[in-house]
PDB file of N, CA and C in Angstrom:
ATOM      1  N   UNK A   1       1.538  21.971  27.214  1.00  0.00           N
ATOM      2  CA  UNK A   1       0.646  21.322  26.267  1.00  0.00           C
ATOM      3  C   UNK A   1      -0.341  20.460  27.044  1.00  0.00           C
ATOM      4  N   UNK A   2      -1.570  20.573  26.667  1.00  0.00           N
ATOM      5  CA  UNK A   2      -2.607  19.791  27.339  1.00  0.00           C
ATOM      6  C   UNK A   2      -2.508  18.317  26.935  1.00  0.00           C
ATOM      7  N   UNK A   3      -3.074  17.466  27.788  1.00  0.00           N
ATOM      8  CA  UNK A   3      -3.100  16.037  27.470  1.00  0.00           C
ATOM      9  C   UNK A   3      -3.873  15.775  26.185  1.00  0.00           C
ATOM     10  N   UNK A   4      -4.968  16.507  25.986  1.00  0.00           N
ATOM     11  CA  UNK A   4      -5.781  16.319  24.778  1.00  0.00           C
ATOM     12  C   UNK A   4      -4.992  16.677  23.520  1.00  0.00           C
ATOM     13  N   UNK A   5      -4.185  17.739  23.603  1.00  0.00           N
ATOM     14  CA  UNK A   5      -3.367  18.137  22.447  1.00  0.00           C
ATOM     15  C   UNK A   5      -2.317  17.077  22.147  1.00  0.00           C
ATOM     16  N   UNK A   6      -1.711  16.531  23.186  1.00  0.00           N
ATOM     17  CA  UNK A   6      -0.703  15.492  22.984  1.00  0.00           C
ATOM     18  C   UNK A   6      -1.351  14.236  22.415  1.00  0.00           C
ATOM     19  N   UNK A   7      -2.541  13.924  22.872  1.00  0.00           N
ATOM     20  CA  UNK A   7      -3.260  12.765  22.335  1.00  0.00           C
ATOM     21  C   UNK A   7      -3.537  12.931  20.845  1.00  0.00           C
ATOM     22  N   UNK A   8      -3.842  14.154  20.416  1.00  0.00           N
ATOM     23  CA  UNK A   8      -4.051  14.398  18.982  1.00  0.00           C
ATOM     24  C   UNK A   8      -2.765  14.157  18.196  1.00  0.00           C
ATOM     25  N   UNK A   9      -1.630  14.511  18.778  1.00  0.00           N
ATOM     26  CA  UNK A   9      -0.330  14.247  18.133  1.00  0.00           C
ATOM     27  C   UNK A   9      -0.111  12.744  18.047  1.00  0.00           C
ATOM     28  N   UNK A  10      -0.345  12.023  19.134  1.00  0.00           N
ATOM     29  CA  UNK A  10      -0.176  10.565  19.124  1.00  0.00           C
ATOM     30  C   UNK A  10      -1.054   9.918  18.064  1.00  0.00           C
ATOM     31  N   UNK A  11      -2.299  10.354  18.014  1.00  0.00           N
ATOM     32  CA  UNK A  11      -3.243   9.779  17.054  1.00  0.00           C
ATOM     33  C   UNK A  11      -2.820  10.072  15.615  1.00  0.00           C
ATOM     34  N   UNK A  12      -2.390  11.295  15.358  1.00  0.00           N
ATOM     35  CA  UNK A  12      -1.936  11.653  14.010  1.00  0.00           C
ATOM     36  C   UNK A  12      -0.712  10.827  13.625  1.00  0.00           C
ATOM     37  N   UNK A  13       0.267  10.729  14.526  1.00  0.00           N
ATOM     38  CA  UNK A  13       1.480   9.959  14.226  1.00  0.00           C
ATOM     39  C   UNK A  13       1.184   8.475  14.061  1.00  0.00           C
ATOM     40  N   UNK A  14       0.180   7.971  14.752  1.00  0.00           N
ATOM     41  CA  UNK A  14      -0.126   6.542  14.664  1.00  0.00           C
ATOM     42  C   UNK A  14      -0.474   6.120  13.244  1.00  0.00           C
ATOM     43  N   UNK A  15      -0.973   7.043  12.448  1.00  0.00           N
ATOM     44  CA  UNK A  15      -1.329   6.716  11.065  1.00  0.00           C
ATOM     45  C   UNK A  15      -0.118   6.263  10.255  1.00  0.00           C
ATOM     46  N   UNK A  16       1.074   6.683  10.665  1.00  0.00           N
ATOM     47  CA  UNK A  16       2.283   6.286   9.946  1.00  0.00           C
ATOM     48  C   UNK A  16       2.559   4.789  10.065  1.00  0.00           C
ATOM     49  N   UNK A  17       1.982   4.144  11.073  1.00  0.00           N
ATOM     50  CA  UNK A  17       2.202   2.708  11.269  1.00  0.00           C
ATOM     51  C   UNK A  17       1.041   1.839  10.808  1.00  0.00           C
ATOM     52  N   UNK A  18       0.023   2.434  10.245  1.00  0.00           N
ATOM     53  CA  UNK A  18      -1.088   1.634   9.733  1.00  0.00           C
ATOM     54  C   UNK A  18      -0.643   0.841   8.512  1.00  0.00           C
ATOM     55  N   UNK A  19      -1.260  -0.292   8.313  1.00  0.00           N
ATOM     56  CA  UNK A  19      -0.943  -1.159   7.175  1.00  0.00           C
ATOM     57  C   UNK A  19      -1.713  -0.687   5.938  1.00  0.00           C
ATOM     58  N   UNK A  20      -1.469   0.579   5.574  1.00  0.00           N
ATOM     59  CA  UNK A  20      -2.108   1.187   4.406  1.00  0.00           C
ATOM     60  C   UNK A  20      -1.102   2.077   3.702  1.00  0.00           C
ATOM     61  N   UNK A  21      -1.400   2.405   2.487  1.00  0.00           N
ATOM     62  CA  UNK A  21      -0.569   3.326   1.718  1.00  0.00           C
ATOM     63  C   UNK A  21      -1.073   4.743   1.963  1.00  0.00           C
ATOM     64  N   UNK A  22      -0.219   5.595   2.514  1.00  0.00           N
ATOM     65  CA  UNK A  22      -0.612   6.974   2.754  1.00  0.00           C
ATOM     66  C   UNK A  22      -0.296   7.808   1.518  1.00  0.00           C
ATOM     67  N   UNK A  23      -1.235   8.653   1.132  1.00  0.00           N
ATOM     68  CA  UNK A  23      -0.995   9.521  -0.021  1.00  0.00           C
ATOM     69  C   UNK A  23      -0.629  10.923   0.463  1.00  0.00           C
ATOM     70  N   UNK A  24      -0.427  11.828  -0.482  1.00  0.00           N
ATOM     71  CA  UNK A  24      -0.002  13.185  -0.171  1.00  0.00           C
ATOM     72  C   UNK A  24      -1.004  13.898   0.743  1.00  0.00           C
ATOM     73  N   UNK A  25      -2.285  13.687   0.497  1.00  0.00           N
ATOM     74  CA  UNK A  25      -3.312  14.320   1.330  1.00  0.00           C
ATOM     75  C   UNK A  25      -3.230  13.814   2.774  1.00  0.00           C
ATOM     76  N   UNK A  26      -2.963  12.529   2.959  1.00  0.00           N
ATOM     77  CA  UNK A  26      -2.817  11.963   4.306  1.00  0.00           C
ATOM     78  C   UNK A  26      -1.630  12.601   5.021  1.00  0.00           C
ATOM     79  N   UNK A  27      -0.508  12.712   4.323  1.00  0.00           N
ATOM     80  CA  UNK A  27       0.690  13.294   4.930  1.00  0.00           C
ATOM     81  C   UNK A  27       0.467  14.763   5.283  1.00  0.00           C
ATOM     82  N   UNK A  28      -0.247  15.487   4.428  1.00  0.00           N
ATOM     83  CA  UNK A  28      -0.577  16.886   4.723  1.00  0.00           C
ATOM     84  C   UNK A  28      -1.458  16.990   5.967  1.00  0.00           C
ATOM     85  N   UNK A  29      -2.433  16.111   6.078  1.00  0.00           N
ATOM     86  CA  UNK A  29      -3.334  16.109   7.232  1.00  0.00           C
ATOM     87  C   UNK A  29      -2.570  15.820   8.526  1.00  0.00           C
ATOM     88  N   UNK A  30      -1.653  14.855   8.472  1.00  0.00           N
ATOM     89  CA  UNK A  30      -0.832  14.543   9.647  1.00  0.00           C
ATOM     90  C   UNK A  30       0.030  15.747  10.012  1.00  0.00           C
ATOM     91  N   UNK A  31       0.654  16.358   9.016  1.00  0.00           N
ATOM     92  CA  UNK A  31       1.496  17.538   9.263  1.00  0.00           C
ATOM     93  C   UNK A  31       0.674  18.678   9.863  1.00  0.00           C
ATOM     94  N   UNK A  32      -0.529  18.878   9.367  1.00  0.00           N
ATOM     95  CA  UNK A  32      -1.394  19.929   9.912  1.00  0.00           C
ATOM     96  C   UNK A  32      -1.709  19.679  11.377  1.00  0.00           C
ATOM     97  N   UNK A  33      -1.974  18.432  11.725  1.00  0.00           N
ATOM     98  CA  UNK A  33      -2.257  18.093  13.125  1.00  0.00           C
ATOM     99  C   UNK A  33      -1.042  18.361  14.003  1.00  0.00           C
ATOM    100  N   UNK A  34       0.141  18.051  13.505  1.00  0.00           N
ATOM    101  CA  UNK A  34       1.355  18.302  14.275  1.00  0.00           C
ATOM    102  C   UNK A  34       1.629  19.795  14.401  1.00  0.00           C
ATOM    103  N   UNK A  35       1.432  20.530  13.326  1.00  0.00           N
ATOM    104  CA  UNK A  35       1.648  21.982  13.336  1.00  0.00           C
ATOM    105  C   UNK A  35       0.707  22.645  14.348  1.00  0.00           C
ATOM    106  N   UNK A  36      -0.521  22.171  14.407  1.00  0.00           N
ATOM    107  CA  UNK A  36      -1.508  22.713  15.341  1.00  0.00           C
ATOM    108  C   UNK A  36      -1.059  22.565  16.787  1.00  0.00           C
ATOM    109  N   UNK A  37      -0.259  21.544  17.068  1.00  0.00           N
ATOM    110  CA  UNK A  37       0.212  21.319  18.437  1.00  0.00           C
ATOM    111  C   UNK A  37       1.153  22.427  18.906  1.00  0.00           C
ATOM    112  N   UNK A  38       1.777  23.140  17.966  1.00  0.00           N
ATOM    113  CA  UNK A  38       2.736  24.210  18.263  1.00  0.00           C
ATOM    114  C   UNK A  38       3.992  23.700  18.970  1.00  0.00           C
ATOM    115  N   UNK A  39       4.226  22.398  18.932  1.00  0.00           N
ATOM    116  CA  UNK A  39       5.458  21.852  19.509  1.00  0.00           C
ATOM    117  C   UNK A  39       6.606  22.041  18.533  1.00  0.00           C
ATOM    118  N   UNK A  40       7.805  22.252  19.051  1.00  0.00           N
ATOM    119  CA  UNK A  40       8.957  22.371  18.152  1.00  0.00           C
ATOM    120  C   UNK A  40       9.254  21.038  17.476  1.00  0.00           C
ATOM    121  N   UNK A  41       9.852  21.079  16.292  1.00  0.00           N
ATOM    122  CA  UNK A  41      10.157  19.846  15.559  1.00  0.00           C
ATOM    123  C   UNK A  41      10.951  18.821  16.368  1.00  0.00           C
ATOM    124  N   UNK A  42      11.874  19.278  17.190  1.00  0.00           N
ATOM    125  CA  UNK A  42      12.668  18.337  17.989  1.00  0.00           C
ATOM    126  C   UNK A  42      11.786  17.551  18.959  1.00  0.00           C
ATOM    127  N   UNK A  43      10.812  18.207  19.556  1.00  0.00           N
ATOM    128  CA  UNK A  43       9.904  17.509  20.476  1.00  0.00           C
ATOM    129  C   UNK A  43       8.980  16.573  19.705  1.00  0.00           C
ATOM    130  N   UNK A  44       8.525  16.994  18.535  1.00  0.00           N
ATOM    131  CA  UNK A  44       7.694  16.112  17.714  1.00  0.00           C
ATOM    132  C   UNK A  44       8.465  14.854  17.333  1.00  0.00           C
ATOM    133  N   UNK A  45       9.744  15.007  17.005  1.00  0.00           N
ATOM    134  CA  UNK A  45      10.543  13.826  16.669  1.00  0.00           C
ATOM    135  C   UNK A  45      10.739  12.934  17.884  1.00  0.00           C
ATOM    136  N   UNK A  46      10.923  13.533  19.050  1.00  0.00           N
ATOM    137  CA  UNK A  46      11.057  12.734  20.277  1.00  0.00           C
ATOM    138  C   UNK A  46       9.767  11.965  20.557  1.00  0.00           C
ATOM    139  N   UNK A  47       8.626  12.592  20.321  1.00  0.00           N
ATOM    140  CA  UNK A  47       7.345  11.901  20.495  1.00  0.00           C
ATOM    141  C   UNK A  47       7.244  10.749  19.505  1.00  0.00           C
ATOM    142  N   UNK A  48       7.621  11.010  18.255  1.00  0.00           N
ATOM    143  CA  UNK A  48       7.608   9.980  17.204  1.00  0.00           C
ATOM    144  C   UNK A  48       8.475   8.787  17.599  1.00  0.00           C
ATOM    145  N   UNK A  49       9.700   9.064  18.056  1.00  0.00           N
ATOM    146  CA  UNK A  49      10.670   8.000  18.334  1.00  0.00           C
ATOM    147  C   UNK A  49      10.489   7.311  19.680  1.00  0.00           C
ATOM    148  N   UNK A  50      10.077   8.058  20.708  1.00  0.00           N
ATOM    149  CA  UNK A  50      10.072   7.507  22.063  1.00  0.00           C
ATOM    150  C   UNK A  50       8.693   7.205  22.630  1.00  0.00           C
ATOM    151  N   UNK A  51       7.661   7.844  22.089  1.00  0.00           N
ATOM    152  CA  UNK A  51       6.333   7.633  22.652  1.00  0.00           C
ATOM    153  C   UNK A  51       5.451   6.775  21.748  1.00  0.00           C
ATOM    154  N   UNK A  52       5.517   7.008  20.434  1.00  0.00           N
ATOM    155  CA  UNK A  52       4.621   6.300  19.520  1.00  0.00           C
ATOM    156  C   UNK A  52       5.291   5.078  18.887  1.00  0.00           C
ATOM    157  N   UNK A  53       6.481   5.223  18.354  1.00  0.00           N
ATOM    158  CA  UNK A  53       7.154   4.104  17.672  1.00  0.00           C
ATOM    159  C   UNK A  53       7.259   2.852  18.544  1.00  0.00           C
ATOM    160  N   UNK A  54       7.662   2.960  19.821  1.00  0.00           N
ATOM    161  CA  UNK A  54       7.773   1.736  20.620  1.00  0.00           C
ATOM    162  C   UNK A  54       6.447   1.000  20.810  1.00  0.00           C
ATOM    163  N   UNK A  55       5.330   1.708  20.668  1.00  0.00           N
ATOM    164  CA  UNK A  55       4.016   1.091  20.826  1.00  0.00           C
ATOM    165  C   UNK A  55       3.585   0.388  19.542  1.00  0.00           C
ATOM    166  N   UNK A  56       3.859   1.012  18.401  1.00  0.00           N
ATOM    167  CA  UNK A  56       3.227   0.580  17.152  1.00  0.00           C
ATOM    168  C   UNK A  56       4.137  -0.111  16.145  1.00  0.00           C
ATOM    169  N   UNK A  57       5.416  -0.133  16.363  1.00  0.00           N
ATOM    170  CA  UNK A  57       6.329  -0.594  15.313  1.00  0.00           C
ATOM    171  C   UNK A  57       6.089  -2.026  14.865  1.00  0.00           C
ATOM    172  N   UNK A  58       5.622  -2.870  15.747  1.00  0.00           N
ATOM    173  CA  UNK A  58       5.410  -4.263  15.346  1.00  0.00           C
ATOM    174  C   UNK A  58       4.262  -4.414  14.347  1.00  0.00           C
ATOM    175  N   UNK A  59       3.383  -3.414  14.277  1.00  0.00           N
ATOM    176  CA  UNK A  59       2.309  -3.477  13.285  1.00  0.00           C
ATOM    177  C   UNK A  59       2.886  -3.478  11.866  1.00  0.00           C
ATOM    178  N   UNK A  60       3.989  -2.779  11.683  1.00  0.00           N
ATOM    179  CA  UNK A  60       4.625  -2.734  10.359  1.00  0.00           C
ATOM    180  C   UNK A  60       5.256  -4.079   9.994  1.00  0.00           C
ATOM    181  N   UNK A  61       5.567  -4.895  10.982  1.00  0.00           N
ATOM    182  CA  UNK A  61       6.186  -6.192  10.746  1.00  0.00           C
ATOM    183  C   UNK A  61       5.158  -7.313  10.663  1.00  0.00           C
ATOM    184  N   UNK A  62       3.915  -6.997  10.967  1.00  0.00           N
ATOM    185  CA  UNK A  62       2.863  -8.005  10.976  1.00  0.00           C
ATOM    186  C   UNK A  62       2.386  -8.317   9.562  1.00  0.00           C
ATOM    187  N   UNK A  63       2.081  -9.587   9.313  1.00  0.00           N
ATOM    188  CA  UNK A  63       1.574  -9.999   8.004  1.00  0.00           C
ATOM    189  C   UNK A  63       0.217  -9.350   7.738  1.00  0.00           C
ATOM    190  N   UNK A  64      -0.609  -9.291   8.741  1.00  0.00           N
ATOM    191  CA  UNK A  64      -1.938  -8.682   8.602  1.00  0.00           C
ATOM    192  C   UNK A  64      -2.088  -7.624   9.685  1.00  0.00           C
ATOM    193  N   UNK A  65      -1.401  -6.507   9.501  1.00  0.00           N
ATOM    194  CA  UNK A  65      -1.418  -5.458  10.506  1.00  0.00           C
ATOM    195  C   UNK A  65      -2.712  -4.663  10.525  1.00  0.00           C
ATOM    196  N   UNK A  66      -2.843  -3.860  11.537  1.00  0.00           N
ATOM    197  CA  UNK A  66      -4.003  -2.977  11.666  1.00  0.00           C
ATOM    198  C   UNK A  66      -3.977  -1.983  10.522  1.00  0.00           C
ATOM    199  N   UNK A  67      -5.097  -1.818   9.853  1.00  0.00           N
ATOM    200  CA  UNK A  67      -5.149  -0.889   8.726  1.00  0.00           C
ATOM    201  C   UNK A  67      -6.222   0.174   8.889  1.00  0.00           C
ATOM    202  N   UNK A  68      -7.204  -0.060   9.762  1.00  0.00           N
ATOM    203  CA  UNK A  68      -8.330   0.865   9.872  1.00  0.00           C
ATOM    204  C   UNK A  68      -8.129   1.932  10.938  1.00  0.00           C
ATOM    205  N   UNK A  69      -7.137   1.786  11.777  1.00  0.00           N
ATOM    206  CA  UNK A  69      -6.877   2.743  12.847  1.00  0.00           C
ATOM    207  C   UNK A  69      -6.747   2.030  14.174  1.00  0.00           C
ATOM    208  N   UNK A  70      -5.893   2.553  15.012  1.00  0.00           N
ATOM    209  CA  UNK A  70      -5.671   1.973  16.334  1.00  0.00           C
ATOM    210  C   UNK A  70      -6.716   2.497  17.310  1.00  0.00           C
ATOM    211  N   UNK A  71      -7.080   1.671  18.270  1.00  0.00           N
ATOM    212  CA  UNK A  71      -8.009   2.095  19.305  1.00  0.00           C
ATOM    213  C   UNK A  71      -7.381   3.261  20.071  1.00  0.00           C
ATOM    214  N   UNK A  72      -7.999   4.430  20.056  1.00  0.00           N
ATOM    215  CA  UNK A  72      -7.386   5.598  20.698  1.00  0.00           C
ATOM    216  C   UNK A  72      -7.073   5.401  22.176  1.00  0.00           C
ATOM    217  N   UNK A  73      -7.975   4.822  22.935  1.00  0.00           N
ATOM    218  CA  UNK A  73      -7.716   4.652  24.371  1.00  0.00           C
ATOM    219  C   UNK A  73      -6.529   3.727  24.616  1.00  0.00           C
ATOM    220  N   UNK A  74      -6.419   2.660  23.843  1.00  0.00           N
ATOM    221  CA  UNK A  74      -5.278   1.748  23.936  1.00  0.00           C
ATOM    222  C   UNK A  74      -3.993   2.491  23.590  1.00  0.00           C
ATOM    223  N   UNK A  75      -4.024   3.238  22.504  1.00  0.00           N
ATOM    224  CA  UNK A  75      -2.856   4.011  22.071  1.00  0.00           C
ATOM    225  C   UNK A  75      -2.445   5.013  23.135  1.00  0.00           C
ATOM    226  N   UNK A  76      -3.389   5.782  23.649  1.00  0.00           N
ATOM    227  CA  UNK A  76      -3.076   6.814  24.635  1.00  0.00           C
ATOM    228  C   UNK A  76      -2.486   6.211  25.902  1.00  0.00           C
ATOM    229  N   UNK A  77      -3.047   5.102  26.344  1.00  0.00           N
ATOM    230  CA  UNK A  77      -2.540   4.444  27.556  1.00  0.00           C
ATOM    231  C   UNK A  77      -1.066   4.061  27.383  1.00  0.00           C
ATOM    232  N   UNK A  78      -0.739   3.443  26.251  1.00  0.00           N
ATOM    233  CA  UNK A  78       0.636   3.003  26.026  1.00  0.00           C
ATOM    234  C   UNK A  78       1.585   4.170  25.768  1.00  0.00           C
ATOM    235  N   UNK A  79       1.124   5.181  25.089  1.00  0.00           N
ATOM    236  CA  UNK A  79       1.971   6.357  24.850  1.00  0.00           C
ATOM    237  C   UNK A  79       2.242   7.115  26.141  1.00  0.00           C
ATOM    238  N   UNK A  80       1.272   7.161  27.048  1.00  0.00           N
ATOM    239  CA  UNK A  80       1.490   7.797  28.356  1.00  0.00           C
ATOM    240  C   UNK A  80       2.596   7.079  29.127  1.00  0.00           C
ATOM    241  N   UNK A  81       2.564   5.757  29.073  1.00  0.00           N
ATOM    242  CA  UNK A  81       3.611   4.977  29.744  1.00  0.00           C
ATOM    243  C   UNK A  81       4.974   5.321  29.148  1.00  0.00           C
ATOM    244  N   UNK A  82       5.051   5.364  27.823  1.00  0.00           N
ATOM    245  CA  UNK A  82       6.325   5.678  27.184  1.00  0.00           C
ATOM    246  C   UNK A  82       6.760   7.111  27.458  1.00  0.00           C
ATOM    247  N   UNK A  83       5.817   8.018  27.555  1.00  0.00           N
ATOM    248  CA  UNK A  83       6.166   9.403  27.880  1.00  0.00           C
ATOM    249  C   UNK A  83       6.853   9.460  29.242  1.00  0.00           C
ATOM    250  N   UNK A  84       6.322   8.718  30.201  1.00  0.00           N
ATOM    251  CA  UNK A  84       6.931   8.673  31.530  1.00  0.00           C
ATOM    252  C   UNK A  84       8.304   8.004  31.485  1.00  0.00           C
ATOM    253  N   UNK A  85       8.471   7.035  30.602  1.00  0.00           N
ATOM    254  CA  UNK A  85       9.741   6.304  30.489  1.00  0.00           C
ATOM    255  C   UNK A  85      10.844   7.125  29.818  1.00  0.00           C
ATOM    256  N   UNK A  86      10.477   8.188  29.112  1.00  0.00           N
ATOM    257  CA  UNK A  86      11.489   8.968  28.382  1.00  0.00           C
ATOM    258  C   UNK A  86      12.595   9.485  29.291  1.00  0.00           C
ATOM    259  N   UNK A  87      12.333   9.614  30.574  1.00  0.00           N
ATOM    260  CA  UNK A  87      13.354  10.078  31.507  1.00  0.00           C
ATOM    261  C   UNK A  87      14.415   9.014  31.763  1.00  0.00           C
ATOM    262  N   UNK A  88      14.106   7.782  31.461  1.00  0.00           N
ATOM    263  CA  UNK A  88      15.013   6.670  31.729  1.00  0.00           C
ATOM    264  C   UNK A  88      16.069   6.550  30.636  1.00  0.00           C
ATOM    265  N   UNK A  89      17.320   6.537  31.030  1.00  0.00           N
ATOM    266  CA  UNK A  89      18.418   6.358  30.067  1.00  0.00           C
ATOM    267  C   UNK A  89      18.301   5.005  29.376  1.00  0.00           C
ATOM    268  N   UNK A  90      17.914   3.989  30.142  1.00  0.00           N
ATOM    269  CA  UNK A  90      17.759   2.643  29.590  1.00  0.00           C
ATOM    270  C   UNK A  90      16.716   2.640  28.473  1.00  0.00           C
ATOM    271  N   UNK A  91      15.580   3.287  28.696  1.00  0.00           N
ATOM    272  CA  UNK A  91      14.520   3.342  27.700  1.00  0.00           C
ATOM    273  C   UNK A  91      14.990   4.084  26.447  1.00  0.00           C
ATOM    274  N   UNK A  92      15.640   5.221  26.620  1.00  0.00           N
ATOM    275  CA  UNK A  92      16.142   5.977  25.459  1.00  0.00           C
ATOM    276  C   UNK A  92      17.190   5.167  24.701  1.00  0.00           C
ATOM    277  N   UNK A  93      18.044   4.439  25.429  1.00  0.00           N
ATOM    278  CA  UNK A  93      19.053   3.606  24.767  1.00  0.00           C
ATOM    279  C   UNK A  93      18.375   2.498  23.959  1.00  0.00           C
ATOM    280  N   UNK A  94      17.355   1.871  24.537  1.00  0.00           N
ATOM    281  CA  UNK A  94      16.614   0.814  23.848  1.00  0.00           C
ATOM    282  C   UNK A  94      15.949   1.363  22.578  1.00  0.00           C
ATOM    283  N   UNK A  95      15.371   2.548  22.684  1.00  0.00           N
ATOM    284  CA  UNK A  95      14.751   3.171  21.510  1.00  0.00           C
ATOM    285  C   UNK A  95      15.791   3.479  20.439  1.00  0.00           C
ATOM    286  N   UNK A  96      16.949   3.916  20.856  1.00  0.00           N
ATOM    287  CA  UNK A  96      18.018   4.198  19.895  1.00  0.00           C
ATOM    288  C   UNK A  96      18.482   2.905  19.222  1.00  0.00           C
ATOM    289  N   UNK A  97      18.616   1.850  19.991  1.00  0.00           N
ATOM    290  CA  UNK A  97      19.035   0.563  19.458  1.00  0.00           C
ATOM    291  C   UNK A  97      18.022   0.021  18.445  1.00  0.00           C
ATOM    292  N   UNK A  98      16.740   0.205  18.731  1.00  0.00           N
ATOM    293  CA  UNK A  98      15.677  -0.322  17.873  1.00  0.00           C
ATOM    294  C   UNK A  98      15.150   0.690  16.848  1.00  0.00           C
ATOM    295  N   UNK A  99      15.802   1.830  16.727  1.00  0.00           N
ATOM    296  CA  UNK A  99      15.291   2.891  15.853  1.00  0.00           C
ATOM    297  C   UNK A  99      15.029   2.414  14.431  1.00  0.00           C
ATOM    298  N   UNK A 100      15.955   1.712  13.827  1.00  0.00           N
ATOM    299  CA  UNK A 100      15.757   1.259  12.439  1.00  0.00           C
ATOM    300  C   UNK A 100      14.560   0.321  12.295  1.00  0.00           C
ATOM    301  N   UNK A 101      14.474  -0.733  13.080  1.00  0.00           N
ATOM    302  CA  UNK A 101      13.298  -1.595  12.915  1.00  0.00           C
ATOM    303  C   UNK A 101      11.986  -0.900  13.286  1.00  0.00           C
ATOM    304  N   UNK A 102      12.032   0.037  14.241  1.00  0.00           N
ATOM    305  CA  UNK A 102      10.796   0.710  14.644  1.00  0.00           C
ATOM    306  C   UNK A 102      10.298   1.686  13.580  1.00  0.00           C
ATOM    307  N   UNK A 103      11.206   2.201  12.761  1.00  0.00           N
ATOM    308  CA  UNK A 103      10.813   3.252  11.820  1.00  0.00           C
ATOM    309  C   UNK A 103      11.061   2.893  10.358  1.00  0.00           C
ATOM    310  N   UNK A 104      11.505   1.677  10.073  1.00  0.00           N
ATOM    311  CA  UNK A 104      11.882   1.344   8.702  1.00  0.00           C
ATOM    312  C   UNK A 104      10.720   1.528   7.723  1.00  0.00           C
ATOM    313  N   UNK A 105       9.496   1.253   8.154  1.00  0.00           N
ATOM    314  CA  UNK A 105       8.349   1.276   7.249  1.00  0.00           C
ATOM    315  C   UNK A 105       7.826   2.682   6.984  1.00  0.00           C
ATOM    316  N   UNK A 106       8.232   3.648   7.801  1.00  0.00           N
ATOM    317  CA  UNK A 106       7.643   4.973   7.630  1.00  0.00           C
ATOM    318  C   UNK A 106       8.631   6.129   7.756  1.00  0.00           C
ATOM    319  N   UNK A 107       9.907   5.843   7.799  1.00  0.00           N
ATOM    320  CA  UNK A 107      10.884   6.927   8.000  1.00  0.00           C
ATOM    321  C   UNK A 107      10.797   7.976   6.896  1.00  0.00           C
ATOM    322  N   UNK A 108      10.630   7.548   5.666  1.00  0.00           N
ATOM    323  CA  UNK A 108      10.522   8.504   4.555  1.00  0.00           C
ATOM    324  C   UNK A 108       9.259   9.354   4.697  1.00  0.00           C
ATOM    325  N   UNK A 109       8.169   8.717   5.078  1.00  0.00           N
ATOM    326  CA  UNK A 109       6.925   9.467   5.280  1.00  0.00           C
ATOM    327  C   UNK A 109       7.065  10.447   6.440  1.00  0.00           C
ATOM    328  N   UNK A 110       7.748  10.013   7.511  1.00  0.00           N
ATOM    329  CA  UNK A 110       7.988  10.906   8.637  1.00  0.00           C
ATOM    330  C   UNK A 110       8.766  12.132   8.174  1.00  0.00           C
ATOM    331  N   UNK A 111       9.785  11.934   7.365  1.00  0.00           N
ATOM    332  CA  UNK A 111      10.571  13.062   6.862  1.00  0.00           C
ATOM    333  C   UNK A 111       9.701  14.020   6.056  1.00  0.00           C
ATOM    334  N   UNK A 112       8.808  13.495   5.254  1.00  0.00           N
ATOM    335  CA  UNK A 112       7.908  14.353   4.475  1.00  0.00           C
ATOM    336  C   UNK A 112       6.963  15.116   5.390  1.00  0.00           C
ATOM    337  N   UNK A 113       6.476  14.476   6.428  1.00  0.00           N
ATOM    338  CA  UNK A 113       5.564  15.131   7.359  1.00  0.00           C
ATOM    339  C   UNK A 113       6.282  16.247   8.115  1.00  0.00           C
ATOM    340  N   UNK A 114       7.429  15.949   8.709  1.00  0.00           N
ATOM    341  CA  UNK A 114       8.122  16.945   9.532  1.00  0.00           C
ATOM    342  C   UNK A 114       8.610  18.104   8.666  1.00  0.00           C
ATOM    343  N   UNK A 115       8.946  17.827   7.417  1.00  0.00           N
ATOM    344  CA  UNK A 115       9.348  18.902   6.486  1.00  0.00           C
ATOM    345  C   UNK A 115       8.188  19.875   6.271  1.00  0.00           C
ATOM    346  N   UNK A 116       6.979  19.363   6.272  1.00  0.00           N
ATOM    347  CA  UNK A 116       5.794  20.211   6.085  1.00  0.00           C
ATOM    348  C   UNK A 116       5.423  20.979   7.337  1.00  0.00           C
ATOM    349  N   UNK A 117       5.900  20.500   8.473  1.00  0.00           N
ATOM    350  CA  UNK A 117       5.595  21.186   9.736  1.00  0.00           C
ATOM    351  C   UNK A 117       6.467  22.419   9.900  1.00  0.00           C
ATOM    352  N   UNK A 118       7.722  22.307   9.519  1.00  0.00           N
ATOM    353  CA  UNK A 118       8.672  23.429   9.740  1.00  0.00           C
ATOM    354  C   UNK A 118       8.572  24.484   8.673  1.00  0.00           C
TER     355      UNK A 118
END
């Protein structure tokens, strides 16, 4: 997978952490972007949990979180770091420990998106 394709996945998944209400059309658009990547669902979930969630989860806990979209270059830089960290057992353990707080605001939406991908 090219870096540009992975960046499109990161950008699409980042919408799940925006401080906005996503509707059915938004979820379909995100699913379409993920489907276009041709990555298997297991890898998409790993990207969701280990590359994007650790970067953006605090936005869901913020009183006035980002709602218009994350800066793509900032997002890509941090997701690249997390992609490299996925090899670390410590990093994966930390992500597992923080899974609920990192995904509490969008886990249901994630399930709807991944269901549309498969």
